[in-house]
Amino acid sequence: MLLRFTKMHGLGNDFVVIDGVTQEVRLSPEQIRRLADRHTGVGCDQVLLVEPPPRADADFGYRIFNADGSEAEQCGNGLRCVAKFVRDRRLTARREIRFATRAGVAAARLEGGGKVTVDMGPPTLDPERIPFVAERAQPSHALDLEGRTVVIAAISMGNPHAVVEVEDVASAPVATLGPAIERHPRFPAGANVGFVAFRSRTAVDLRVHERGAGETRACGTGACAAVVAGVLWGRLDARVEVRLPGGTLEVQWEGPGHSVMMTGPAVTVFQGRIRL
């Protein structure tokens, strides 16, 4: 199969984006891993597949595959990129575009200056829906890790997140604590793990260990989860700059019952073809 693709990134969180609307695409986990391999493939954190809409209230379908071949429910940086992708490829003339994901329908709006705003929907704290093993929803949970207790927020932004407060993200134990929390039995579907340092009521630093990909330079849903946690903990206002290794996202959350809105860039790197 000769496959056309576009390499894109959102703040360094990089993707191989594939048009499954005008070409027939069937990808196995092995093929996804080959595409994502940075030595023998194209190289990316996630492979994104745009498809015809599977439901009447969406303009396109949108599937997310991690570098290890597993499928994710949502990806905020990827959502911004696929919105730019379908416009650039003239698959739509709309500036407001709705994508059906495994987590539901998410909307994206192309702004000026190369930025895209996405409506990530309301966050989920209900343990059963995250999924997370707990008796009830609450802002903080104590997680036991081999005799050590770590306090986290458990949140779903369409995919499961654990948020941990740290003093300094540069020295945060992302490489060790991230995988341990990702695979913790209280997260039966795994978790993305965000390490957040509060700098003011309107600014945070963040590093994220992504489920199935490891640490990435930016994570859109992770940025949203970190802001939700900070608002619930009384540490943040509604509008926050989230500073990630790859750059800054703007996140707004007015509180329970409201959608999380995220604004950031989407960049095309190059286009190509690969035989799988």
C-alpha atoms as a PDB file:
ATOM      1  CA  MET A   1       0.000   0.000   0.000  1.00  0.00           C
ATOM      2  CA  LEU A   2       1.403   3.379  -1.081  1.00  0.00           C
ATOM      3  CA  LEU A   3       0.173   5.883   1.477  1.00  0.00           C
ATOM      4  CA  ARG A   4       0.121   9.686   1.227  1.00  0.00           C
ATOM      5  CA  PHE A   5       0.730  11.455   4.533  1.00  0.00           C
ATOM      6  CA  THR A   6       1.373  14.883   6.026  1.00  0.00           C
ATOM      7  CA  LYS A   7       3.773  15.472   8.920  1.00  0.00           C
ATOM      8  CA  MET A   8       2.397  18.081  11.356  1.00  0.00           C
ATOM      9  CA  HIS A   9       2.951  19.250  14.906  1.00  0.00           C
ATOM     10  CA  GLY A  10       1.299  21.243  17.647  1.00  0.00           C
ATOM     11  CA  LEU A  11       3.997  22.738  19.899  1.00  0.00           C
ATOM     12  CA  GLY A  12       6.332  19.871  19.041  1.00  0.00           C
ATOM     13  CA  ASN A  13       3.754  17.148  19.736  1.00  0.00           C
ATOM     14  CA  ASP A  14       4.171  15.611  16.278  1.00  0.00           C
ATOM     15  CA  PHE A  15       1.861  13.609  14.069  1.00  0.00           C
ATOM     16  CA  VAL A  16       1.622  11.670  10.843  1.00  0.00           C
ATOM     17  CA  VAL A  17      -1.765  12.781   9.455  1.00  0.00           C
ATOM     18  CA  ILE A  18      -3.475  10.584   6.879  1.00  0.00           C
ATOM     19  CA  ASP A  19      -6.377  11.395   4.564  1.00  0.00           C
ATOM     20  CA  GLY A  20      -8.776   8.475   4.769  1.00  0.00           C
ATOM     21  CA  VAL A  21     -11.474  10.415   2.898  1.00  0.00           C
ATOM     22  CA  THR A  22      -9.988  10.363  -0.616  1.00  0.00           C
ATOM     23  CA  GLN A  23      -7.824   7.250  -0.214  1.00  0.00           C
ATOM     24  CA  GLU A  24      -8.647   3.851   1.246  1.00  0.00           C
ATOM     25  CA  VAL A  25      -6.664   3.283   4.431  1.00  0.00           C
ATOM     26  CA  ARG A  26      -6.465   0.216   6.653  1.00  0.00           C
ATOM     27  CA  LEU A  27      -3.704   0.313   9.215  1.00  0.00           C
ATOM     28  CA  SER A  28      -2.569  -2.542  11.430  1.00  0.00           C
ATOM     29  CA  PRO A  29      -0.841  -1.887  14.778  1.00  0.00           C
ATOM     30  CA  GLU A  30       2.413  -3.073  13.167  1.00  0.00           C
ATOM     31  CA  GLN A  31       2.063  -0.537  10.342  1.00  0.00           C
ATOM     32  CA  ILE A  32       1.305   2.241  12.838  1.00  0.00           C
ATOM     33  CA  ARG A  33       4.424   1.380  14.821  1.00  0.00           C
ATOM     34  CA  ARG A  34       6.451   1.463  11.591  1.00  0.00           C
ATOM     35  CA  LEU A  35       5.078   4.890  10.657  1.00  0.00           C
ATOM     36  CA  ALA A  36       5.810   6.239  14.143  1.00  0.00           C
ATOM     37  CA  ASP A  37       9.353   4.852  14.356  1.00  0.00           C
ATOM     38  CA  ARG A  38      11.810   7.765  14.307  1.00  0.00           C
ATOM     39  CA  HIS A  39      14.644   5.655  12.881  1.00  0.00           C
ATOM     40  CA  THR A  40      12.973   3.476  10.235  1.00  0.00           C
ATOM     41  CA  GLY A  41       9.672   5.276   9.586  1.00  0.00           C
ATOM     42  CA  VAL A  42       8.402   8.837   9.390  1.00  0.00           C
ATOM     43  CA  GLY A  43       8.481   9.385  13.143  1.00  0.00           C
ATOM     44  CA  CYS A  44       5.737  10.786  15.364  1.00  0.00           C
ATOM     45  CA  ASP A  45       4.038  10.680  18.738  1.00  0.00           C
ATOM     46  CA  GLN A  46       0.681   9.760  17.188  1.00  0.00           C
ATOM     47  CA  VAL A  47      -0.757   8.752  13.819  1.00  0.00           C
ATOM     48  CA  LEU A  48      -3.969  10.640  13.018  1.00  0.00           C
ATOM     49  CA  LEU A  49      -6.511   9.295  10.540  1.00  0.00           C
ATOM     50  CA  VAL A  50      -9.226  11.547   9.067  1.00  0.00           C
ATOM     51  CA  GLU A  51     -12.220   9.619   7.746  1.00  0.00           C
ATOM     52  CA  PRO A  52     -15.719  10.290   6.372  1.00  0.00           C
ATOM     53  CA  PRO A  53     -18.171  11.265   9.124  1.00  0.00           C
ATOM     54  CA  PRO A  54     -19.565   8.235  11.012  1.00  0.00           C
ATOM     55  CA  ARG A  55     -22.525  10.267  12.314  1.00  0.00           C
ATOM     56  CA  ALA A  56     -24.821  13.028  11.077  1.00  0.00           C
ATOM     57  CA  ASP A  57     -23.641  15.714  13.527  1.00  0.00           C
ATOM     58  CA  ALA A  58     -19.974  15.529  12.462  1.00  0.00           C
ATOM     59  CA  ASP A  59     -18.071  16.739   9.393  1.00  0.00           C
ATOM     60  CA  PHE A  60     -15.343  14.092   9.673  1.00  0.00           C
ATOM     61  CA  GLY A  61     -14.284  11.082  11.660  1.00  0.00           C
ATOM     62  CA  TYR A  62     -10.977  11.394  13.541  1.00  0.00           C
ATOM     63  CA  ARG A  63      -8.984   8.450  14.929  1.00  0.00           C
ATOM     64  CA  ILE A  64      -5.838   8.667  17.051  1.00  0.00           C
ATOM     65  CA  PHE A  65      -3.193   5.926  17.232  1.00  0.00           C
ATOM     66  CA  ASN A  66      -0.318   6.092  19.702  1.00  0.00           C
ATOM     67  CA  ALA A  67       3.235   5.288  18.669  1.00  0.00           C
ATOM     68  CA  ASP A  68       2.903   1.806  20.210  1.00  0.00           C
ATOM     69  CA  GLY A  69      -0.044   0.983  17.921  1.00  0.00           C
ATOM     70  CA  SER A  70      -2.785   1.394  20.527  1.00  0.00           C
ATOM     71  CA  GLU A  71      -5.797   3.602  19.808  1.00  0.00           C
ATOM     72  CA  ALA A  72      -6.569   6.666  21.942  1.00  0.00           C
ATOM     73  CA  GLU A  73      -9.881   8.385  22.525  1.00  0.00           C
ATOM     74  CA  GLN A  74      -8.870  12.030  22.068  1.00  0.00           C
ATOM     75  CA  CYS A  75      -5.872  14.279  21.352  1.00  0.00           C
ATOM     76  CA  GLY A  76      -6.175  18.044  21.653  1.00  0.00           C
ATOM     77  CA  ASN A  77      -3.009  19.014  19.765  1.00  0.00           C
ATOM     78  CA  GLY A  78      -3.971  16.520  17.095  1.00  0.00           C
ATOM     79  CA  LEU A  79      -7.469  18.006  16.853  1.00  0.00           C
ATOM     80  CA  ARG A  80      -5.989  21.398  16.006  1.00  0.00           C
ATOM     81  CA  CYS A  81      -3.765  19.802  13.370  1.00  0.00           C
ATOM     82  CA  VAL A  82      -6.509  17.818  11.641  1.00  0.00           C
ATOM     83  CA  ALA A  83      -8.662  20.972  11.498  1.00  0.00           C
ATOM     84  CA  LYS A  84      -5.874  22.732   9.578  1.00  0.00           C
ATOM     85  CA  PHE A  85      -5.264  19.571   7.531  1.00  0.00           C
ATOM     86  CA  VAL A  86      -8.812  19.241   6.163  1.00  0.00           C
ATOM     87  CA  ARG A  87      -8.847  22.944   5.227  1.00  0.00           C
ATOM     88  CA  ASP A  88      -5.418  22.803   3.565  1.00  0.00           C
ATOM     89  CA  ARG A  89      -6.394  19.715   1.566  1.00  0.00           C
ATOM     90  CA  ARG A  90      -9.664  21.409   0.580  1.00  0.00           C
ATOM     91  CA  LEU A  91     -11.756  18.664   2.085  1.00  0.00           C
ATOM     92  CA  THR A  92     -13.929  21.427   3.549  1.00  0.00           C
ATOM     93  CA  ALA A  93     -14.369  25.176   3.173  1.00  0.00           C
ATOM     94  CA  ARG A  94     -15.627  25.599   6.733  1.00  0.00           C
ATOM     95  CA  ARG A  95     -13.696  27.421   9.429  1.00  0.00           C
ATOM     96  CA  GLU A  96     -15.663  25.691  12.198  1.00  0.00           C
ATOM     97  CA  ILE A  97     -15.364  21.924  11.861  1.00  0.00           C
ATOM     98  CA  ARG A  98     -16.797  19.065  13.910  1.00  0.00           C
ATOM     99  CA  PHE A  99     -14.895  15.792  14.331  1.00  0.00           C
ATOM    100  CA  ALA A 100     -16.318  12.521  15.647  1.00  0.00           C
ATOM    101  CA  THR A 101     -13.866  10.723  17.959  1.00  0.00           C
ATOM    102  CA  ARG A 102     -14.111   7.729  20.262  1.00  0.00           C
ATOM    103  CA  ALA A 103     -14.822  10.253  23.025  1.00  0.00           C
ATOM    104  CA  GLY A 104     -17.674  11.977  21.153  1.00  0.00           C
ATOM    105  CA  VAL A 105     -17.890  14.983  18.829  1.00  0.00           C
ATOM    106  CA  ALA A 106     -15.342  17.793  19.268  1.00  0.00           C
ATOM    107  CA  ALA A 107     -15.408  21.149  17.488  1.00  0.00           C
ATOM    108  CA  ALA A 108     -12.469  23.173  16.124  1.00  0.00           C
ATOM    109  CA  ARG A 109     -12.388  26.762  14.866  1.00  0.00           C
ATOM    110  CA  LEU A 110      -9.579  28.131  12.692  1.00  0.00           C
ATOM    111  CA  GLU A 111      -8.425  31.528  13.954  1.00  0.00           C
ATOM    112  CA  GLY A 112      -6.045  34.071  12.468  1.00  0.00           C
ATOM    113  CA  GLY A 113      -2.293  33.822  12.832  1.00  0.00           C
ATOM    114  CA  GLY A 114      -2.181  30.053  12.357  1.00  0.00           C
ATOM    115  CA  LYS A 115      -3.967  29.300  15.609  1.00  0.00           C
ATOM    116  CA  VAL A 116      -6.879  26.945  16.180  1.00  0.00           C
ATOM    117  CA  THR A 117      -9.367  26.937  19.063  1.00  0.00           C
ATOM    118  CA  VAL A 118     -10.906  23.628  20.050  1.00  0.00           C
ATOM    119  CA  ASP A 119     -13.900  22.893  22.263  1.00  0.00           C
ATOM    120  CA  MET A 120     -12.783  19.902  24.302  1.00  0.00           C
ATOM    121  CA  GLY A 121     -16.156  19.518  26.029  1.00  0.00           C
ATOM    122  CA  PRO A 122     -16.733  19.400  29.795  1.00  0.00           C
ATOM    123  CA  PRO A 123     -14.216  17.410  31.858  1.00  0.00           C
ATOM    124  CA  THR A 124     -15.318  14.188  33.502  1.00  0.00           C
ATOM    125  CA  LEU A 125     -14.606  13.492  37.177  1.00  0.00           C
ATOM    126  CA  ASP A 126     -16.919  10.480  37.508  1.00  0.00           C
ATOM    127  CA  PRO A 127     -14.541   7.564  38.272  1.00  0.00           C
ATOM    128  CA  GLU A 128     -16.556   5.051  36.250  1.00  0.00           C
ATOM    129  CA  ARG A 129     -16.373   7.198  33.131  1.00  0.00           C
ATOM    130  CA  ILE A 130     -12.652   8.131  33.381  1.00  0.00           C
ATOM    131  CA  PRO A 131     -12.154   5.127  34.123  1.00  0.00           C
ATOM    132  CA  PHE A 132     -10.576   5.250  37.608  1.00  0.00           C
ATOM    133  CA  VAL A 133     -11.157   3.005  40.607  1.00  0.00           C
ATOM    134  CA  ALA A 134     -12.624   5.162  43.384  1.00  0.00           C
ATOM    135  CA  GLU A 135     -15.806   5.299  45.432  1.00  0.00           C
ATOM    136  CA  ARG A 136     -16.790   8.810  44.325  1.00  0.00           C
ATOM    137  CA  ALA A 137     -15.713  11.854  42.340  1.00  0.00           C
ATOM    138  CA  GLN A 138     -13.557  14.329  44.239  1.00  0.00           C
ATOM    139  CA  PRO A 139     -10.854  16.913  43.429  1.00  0.00           C
ATOM    140  CA  SER A 140      -7.985  14.806  44.843  1.00  0.00           C
ATOM    141  CA  HIS A 141      -7.223  11.123  45.326  1.00  0.00           C
ATOM    142  CA  ALA A 142      -4.385   9.412  47.201  1.00  0.00           C
ATOM    143  CA  LEU A 143      -2.602   6.864  45.016  1.00  0.00           C
ATOM    144  CA  ASP A 144      -0.372   4.211  46.597  1.00  0.00           C
ATOM    145  CA  LEU A 145       2.796   3.428  44.668  1.00  0.00           C
ATOM    146  CA  GLU A 146       4.932   0.738  46.328  1.00  0.00           C
ATOM    147  CA  GLY A 147       4.572   2.239  49.795  1.00  0.00           C
ATOM    148  CA  ARG A 148       4.647   5.847  48.613  1.00  0.00           C
ATOM    149  CA  THR A 149       1.485   7.973  48.503  1.00  0.00           C
ATOM    150  CA  VAL A 150       1.027  10.404  45.618  1.00  0.00           C
ATOM    151  CA  VAL A 151      -1.889  12.860  45.554  1.00  0.00           C
ATOM    152  CA  ILE A 152      -3.461  13.206  42.098  1.00  0.00           C
ATOM    153  CA  ALA A 153      -6.478  14.620  40.348  1.00  0.00           C
ATOM    154  CA  ALA A 154      -8.203  11.974  38.204  1.00  0.00           C
ATOM    155  CA  ILE A 155      -9.873  13.588  35.187  1.00  0.00           C
ATOM    156  CA  SER A 156     -11.048  12.565  31.740  1.00  0.00           C
ATOM    157  CA  MET A 157     -10.774  14.962  28.817  1.00  0.00           C
ATOM    158  CA  GLY A 158     -12.073  12.255  26.520  1.00  0.00           C
ATOM    159  CA  ASN A 159      -9.041  10.235  27.651  1.00  0.00           C
ATOM    160  CA  PRO A 160      -7.887   9.473  31.217  1.00  0.00           C
ATOM    161  CA  HIS A 161      -5.492  11.816  33.028  1.00  0.00           C
ATOM    162  CA  ALA A 162      -3.717  11.924  36.361  1.00  0.00           C
ATOM    163  CA  VAL A 163      -2.470  15.367  37.418  1.00  0.00           C
ATOM    164  CA  VAL A 164       0.333  15.670  39.980  1.00  0.00           C
ATOM    165  CA  GLU A 165       1.513  18.965  41.501  1.00  0.00           C
ATOM    166  CA  VAL A 166       5.294  19.511  41.609  1.00  0.00           C
ATOM    167  CA  GLU A 167       7.472  22.416  42.693  1.00  0.00           C
ATOM    168  CA  ASP A 168       9.544  22.455  39.519  1.00  0.00           C
ATOM    169  CA  VAL A 169       8.793  20.614  36.278  1.00  0.00           C
ATOM    170  CA  ALA A 170      12.484  20.496  35.315  1.00  0.00           C
ATOM    171  CA  SER A 171      13.215  18.131  38.216  1.00  0.00           C
ATOM    172  CA  ALA A 172       9.871  16.279  38.155  1.00  0.00           C
ATOM    173  CA  PRO A 173      10.224  12.458  38.037  1.00  0.00           C
ATOM    174  CA  VAL A 174       8.438  12.196  34.688  1.00  0.00           C
ATOM    175  CA  ALA A 175      10.488   9.247  33.413  1.00  0.00           C
ATOM    176  CA  THR A 176       9.869   7.091  36.505  1.00  0.00           C
ATOM    177  CA  LEU A 177       6.620   8.243  38.115  1.00  0.00           C
ATOM    178  CA  GLY A 178       4.895   8.779  34.765  1.00  0.00           C
ATOM    179  CA  PRO A 179       4.990   5.115  33.647  1.00  0.00           C
ATOM    180  CA  ALA A 180       4.181   3.921  37.191  1.00  0.00           C
ATOM    181  CA  ILE A 181       0.989   5.978  37.331  1.00  0.00           C
ATOM    182  CA  GLU A 182       0.147   5.234  33.681  1.00  0.00           C
ATOM    183  CA  ARG A 183       0.021   1.512  34.457  1.00  0.00           C
ATOM    184  CA  HIS A 184      -1.435   1.761  37.976  1.00  0.00           C
ATOM    185  CA  PRO A 185      -4.274  -0.781  38.503  1.00  0.00           C
ATOM    186  CA  ARG A 186      -6.632   2.017  39.570  1.00  0.00           C
ATOM    187  CA  PHE A 187      -6.466   3.246  35.952  1.00  0.00           C
ATOM    188  CA  PRO A 188      -7.761   0.125  34.161  1.00  0.00           C
ATOM    189  CA  ALA A 189      -7.373   1.755  30.714  1.00  0.00           C
ATOM    190  CA  GLY A 190      -4.068   3.426  31.596  1.00  0.00           C
ATOM    191  CA  ALA A 191      -3.549   7.160  32.060  1.00  0.00           C
ATOM    192  CA  ASN A 192      -1.742  10.192  30.744  1.00  0.00           C
ATOM    193  CA  VAL A 193       0.225  11.758  33.599  1.00  0.00           C
ATOM    194  CA  GLY A 194       0.716  15.509  33.932  1.00  0.00           C
ATOM    195  CA  PHE A 195       3.274  17.137  36.241  1.00  0.00           C
ATOM    196  CA  VAL A 196       2.173  20.720  36.909  1.00  0.00           C
ATOM    197  CA  ALA A 197       3.878  23.610  38.711  1.00  0.00           C
ATOM    198  CA  PHE A 198       1.693  26.632  39.541  1.00  0.00           C
ATOM    199  CA  ARG A 199       3.470  29.918  38.764  1.00  0.00           C
ATOM    200  CA  SER A 200       0.532  32.267  39.345  1.00  0.00           C
ATOM    201  CA  ARG A 201      -3.251  32.136  39.161  1.00  0.00           C
ATOM    202  CA  THR A 202      -2.993  32.500  35.385  1.00  0.00           C
ATOM    203  CA  ALA A 203       0.163  30.560  34.455  1.00  0.00           C
ATOM    204  CA  VAL A 204       1.471  27.021  34.963  1.00  0.00           C
ATOM    205  CA  ASP A 205       4.402  24.919  33.771  1.00  0.00           C
ATOM    206  CA  LEU A 206       3.594  21.387  32.612  1.00  0.00           C
ATOM    207  CA  ARG A 207       5.280  18.197  31.453  1.00  0.00           C
ATOM    208  CA  VAL A 208       3.237  15.192  30.360  1.00  0.00           C
ATOM    209  CA  HIS A 209       3.953  11.486  30.107  1.00  0.00           C
ATOM    210  CA  GLU A 210       1.463  10.296  27.485  1.00  0.00           C
ATOM    211  CA  ARG A 211      -0.080   6.847  27.597  1.00  0.00           C
ATOM    212  CA  GLY A 212       1.403   4.715  24.831  1.00  0.00           C
ATOM    213  CA  ALA A 213       3.884   7.393  23.718  1.00  0.00           C
ATOM    214  CA  GLY A 214       6.023   8.470  26.693  1.00  0.00           C
ATOM    215  CA  GLU A 215       6.887  12.104  27.372  1.00  0.00           C
ATOM    216  CA  THR A 216       5.922  14.463  24.551  1.00  0.00           C
ATOM    217  CA  ARG A 217       6.797  18.115  23.991  1.00  0.00           C
ATOM    218  CA  ALA A 218       3.151  19.093  24.422  1.00  0.00           C
ATOM    219  CA  CYS A 219      -0.165  17.458  25.271  1.00  0.00           C
ATOM    220  CA  GLY A 220      -3.392  19.340  24.618  1.00  0.00           C
ATOM    221  CA  THR A 221      -5.706  17.195  26.706  1.00  0.00           C
ATOM    222  CA  GLY A 222      -3.018  17.170  29.408  1.00  0.00           C
ATOM    223  CA  ALA A 223      -2.983  20.972  29.430  1.00  0.00           C
ATOM    224  CA  CYS A 224      -6.770  20.997  29.782  1.00  0.00           C
ATOM    225  CA  ALA A 225      -6.682  18.437  32.614  1.00  0.00           C
ATOM    226  CA  ALA A 226      -4.016  20.441  34.465  1.00  0.00           C
ATOM    227  CA  VAL A 227      -6.131  23.609  34.319  1.00  0.00           C
ATOM    228  CA  VAL A 228      -9.243  21.740  35.454  1.00  0.00           C
ATOM    229  CA  ALA A 229      -7.296  20.319  38.410  1.00  0.00           C
ATOM    230  CA  GLY A 230      -5.920  23.751  39.292  1.00  0.00           C
ATOM    231  CA  VAL A 231      -9.367  25.364  39.207  1.00  0.00           C
ATOM    232  CA  LEU A 232     -10.842  22.570  41.336  1.00  0.00           C
ATOM    233  CA  TRP A 233      -7.993  22.932  43.836  1.00  0.00           C
ATOM    234  CA  GLY A 234      -8.617  26.690  44.045  1.00  0.00           C
ATOM    235  CA  ARG A 235      -5.190  27.490  42.582  1.00  0.00           C
ATOM    236  CA  LEU A 236      -6.145  28.929  39.170  1.00  0.00           C
ATOM    237  CA  ASP A 237      -8.458  31.453  37.556  1.00  0.00           C
ATOM    238  CA  ALA A 238     -10.569  30.585  34.517  1.00  0.00           C
ATOM    239  CA  ARG A 239      -8.036  31.690  31.860  1.00  0.00           C
ATOM    240  CA  VAL A 240      -4.569  30.152  32.056  1.00  0.00           C
ATOM    241  CA  GLU A 241      -1.350  30.049  30.036  1.00  0.00           C
ATOM    242  CA  VAL A 242       0.019  26.514  30.063  1.00  0.00           C
ATOM    243  CA  ARG A 243       3.756  26.466  29.368  1.00  0.00           C
ATOM    244  CA  LEU A 244       4.944  23.166  27.932  1.00  0.00           C
ATOM    245  CA  PRO A 245       8.396  22.183  26.640  1.00  0.00           C
ATOM    246  CA  GLY A 246       7.174  22.838  23.080  1.00  0.00           C
ATOM    247  CA  GLY A 247       5.477  26.190  23.738  1.00  0.00           C
ATOM    248  CA  THR A 248       2.391  27.759  25.286  1.00  0.00           C
ATOM    249  CA  LEU A 249      -1.305  26.881  25.071  1.00  0.00           C
ATOM    250  CA  GLU A 250      -4.178  29.080  26.186  1.00  0.00           C
ATOM    251  CA  VAL A 251      -6.815  27.185  28.182  1.00  0.00           C
ATOM    252  CA  GLN A 252     -10.102  28.471  29.550  1.00  0.00           C
ATOM    253  CA  TRP A 253     -12.485  26.682  31.911  1.00  0.00           C
ATOM    254  CA  GLU A 254     -15.310  28.481  33.708  1.00  0.00           C
ATOM    255  CA  GLY A 255     -15.997  25.572  36.065  1.00  0.00           C
ATOM    256  CA  PRO A 256     -18.297  22.537  36.336  1.00  0.00           C
ATOM    257  CA  GLY A 257     -20.816  22.246  33.531  1.00  0.00           C
ATOM    258  CA  HIS A 258     -18.699  24.275  31.093  1.00  0.00           C
ATOM    259  CA  SER A 259     -16.554  23.107  28.196  1.00  0.00           C
ATOM    260  CA  VAL A 260     -12.777  23.457  28.277  1.00  0.00           C
ATOM    261  CA  MET A 261     -11.583  25.715  25.448  1.00  0.00           C
ATOM    262  CA  MET A 262      -8.006  25.456  24.196  1.00  0.00           C
ATOM    263  CA  THR A 263      -6.162  27.671  21.692  1.00  0.00           C
ATOM    264  CA  GLY A 264      -2.787  26.983  20.129  1.00  0.00           C
ATOM    265  CA  PRO A 265      -0.882  26.589  16.852  1.00  0.00           C
ATOM    266  CA  ALA A 266      -1.018  23.852  14.214  1.00  0.00           C
ATOM    267  CA  VAL A 267       1.949  23.564  11.845  1.00  0.00           C
ATOM    268  CA  THR A 268       2.520  21.558   8.657  1.00  0.00           C
ATOM    269  CA  VAL A 269       6.103  20.267   8.359  1.00  0.00           C
ATOM    270  CA  PHE A 270       6.135  18.307   5.090  1.00  0.00           C
ATOM    271  CA  GLN A 271       4.173  15.915   2.899  1.00  0.00           C
ATOM    272  CA  GLY A 272       5.261  12.584   1.502  1.00  0.00           C
ATOM    273  CA  ARG A 273       4.435   9.034   0.509  1.00  0.00           C
ATOM    274  CA  ILE A 274       5.456   5.780   2.128  1.00  0.00           C
ATOM    275  CA  ARG A 275       4.960   2.173   1.048  1.00  0.00           C
ATOM    276  CA  LEU A 276       3.635  -0.074   3.839  1.00  0.00           C
END
